[in-house]
Amino acid sequence: MTRRPAGRTVLLAAAELLAWWAALALLWLVLVSTVDTLERIVGASCAALGALLARAGRRAVTWR
């Protein structure tokens, strides 16, 4: 098994988290009817938590 350089691993993890966050935030924007400042903060926070959980779940299944 070949190991990736540490910098590349961090970049791939950050890119995966950003992709998950963007997808979940976009889904939230599609489903919400009105958007004010507090709802944007809550939506972004929930999308970030969902991105962390999605990455953790994927890593648990694929064990990478």
Protein backbone atom coordinates (compact mmCIF):
# COMPACT_ATOMS: atom_id res chain seq x y z
CA MET A 1 0.00 0.00 0.00
CA THR A 2 1.36 3.40 -0.92
CA ARG A 3 0.93 6.28 1.47
CA ARG A 4 -0.04 9.78 0.38
CA PRO A 5 1.97 12.80 1.49
CA ALA A 6 0.44 14.47 4.54
CA GLY A 7 -0.23 17.76 2.72
CA ARG A 8 -2.14 16.02 -0.06
CA THR A 9 -4.24 14.06 2.45
CA VAL A 10 -5.24 17.27 4.22
CA LEU A 11 -6.16 18.93 0.92
CA LEU A 12 -8.28 15.95 -0.13
CA ALA A 13 -10.06 15.93 3.24
CA ALA A 14 -10.72 19.67 3.01
CA ALA A 15 -12.01 19.33 -0.56
CA GLU A 16 -14.34 16.50 0.46
CA LEU A 17 -15.69 18.48 3.41
CA LEU A 18 -16.21 21.54 1.21
CA ALA A 19 -18.04 19.47 -1.41
CA TRP A 20 -20.32 17.91 1.22
CA TRP A 21 -20.96 21.29 2.81
CA ALA A 22 -21.82 22.90 -0.53
CA ALA A 23 -24.21 20.09 -1.46
CA LEU A 24 -25.96 20.16 1.91
CA ALA A 25 -26.15 23.96 2.01
CA LEU A 26 -27.62 23.99 -1.51
CA LEU A 27 -30.18 21.38 -0.50
CA TRP A 28 -31.12 23.51 2.51
CA LEU A 29 -31.53 26.59 0.31
CA VAL A 30 -33.82 24.68 -2.03
CA LEU A 31 -36.01 23.45 0.82
CA VAL A 32 -36.30 26.64 2.87
CA SER A 33 -38.91 29.22 1.92
CA THR A 34 -37.61 32.42 3.53
CA VAL A 35 -34.03 33.26 4.40
CA ASP A 36 -32.92 35.70 7.07
CA THR A 37 -29.56 36.07 8.82
CA LEU A 38 -30.24 33.65 11.67
CA GLU A 39 -31.53 30.99 9.27
CA ARG A 40 -28.38 31.36 7.14
CA ILE A 41 -26.19 30.83 10.20
CA VAL A 42 -28.18 27.80 11.34
CA GLY A 43 -28.28 26.35 7.82
CA ALA A 44 -24.53 26.77 7.32
CA SER A 45 -23.83 25.24 10.74
CA CYS A 46 -26.08 22.26 10.12
CA ALA A 47 -24.51 21.75 6.70
CA ALA A 48 -21.05 21.80 8.29
CA LEU A 49 -22.09 19.22 10.89
CA GLY A 50 -23.66 17.10 8.17
CA ALA A 51 -20.47 17.31 6.11
CA LEU A 52 -18.38 16.11 9.06
CA LEU A 53 -20.77 13.22 9.69
CA ALA A 54 -20.89 12.28 6.01
CA ARG A 55 -17.10 12.19 5.79
CA ALA A 56 -16.84 10.16 8.99
CA GLY A 57 -19.45 7.72 7.69
CA ARG A 58 -17.68 7.33 4.36
CA ARG A 59 -14.36 6.73 6.10
CA ALA A 60 -15.94 4.14 8.38
CA VAL A 61 -17.34 2.25 5.40
CA THR A 62 -14.27 2.46 3.13
CA TRP A 63 -11.67 2.49 5.96
CA ARG A 64 -9.29 5.00 4.32
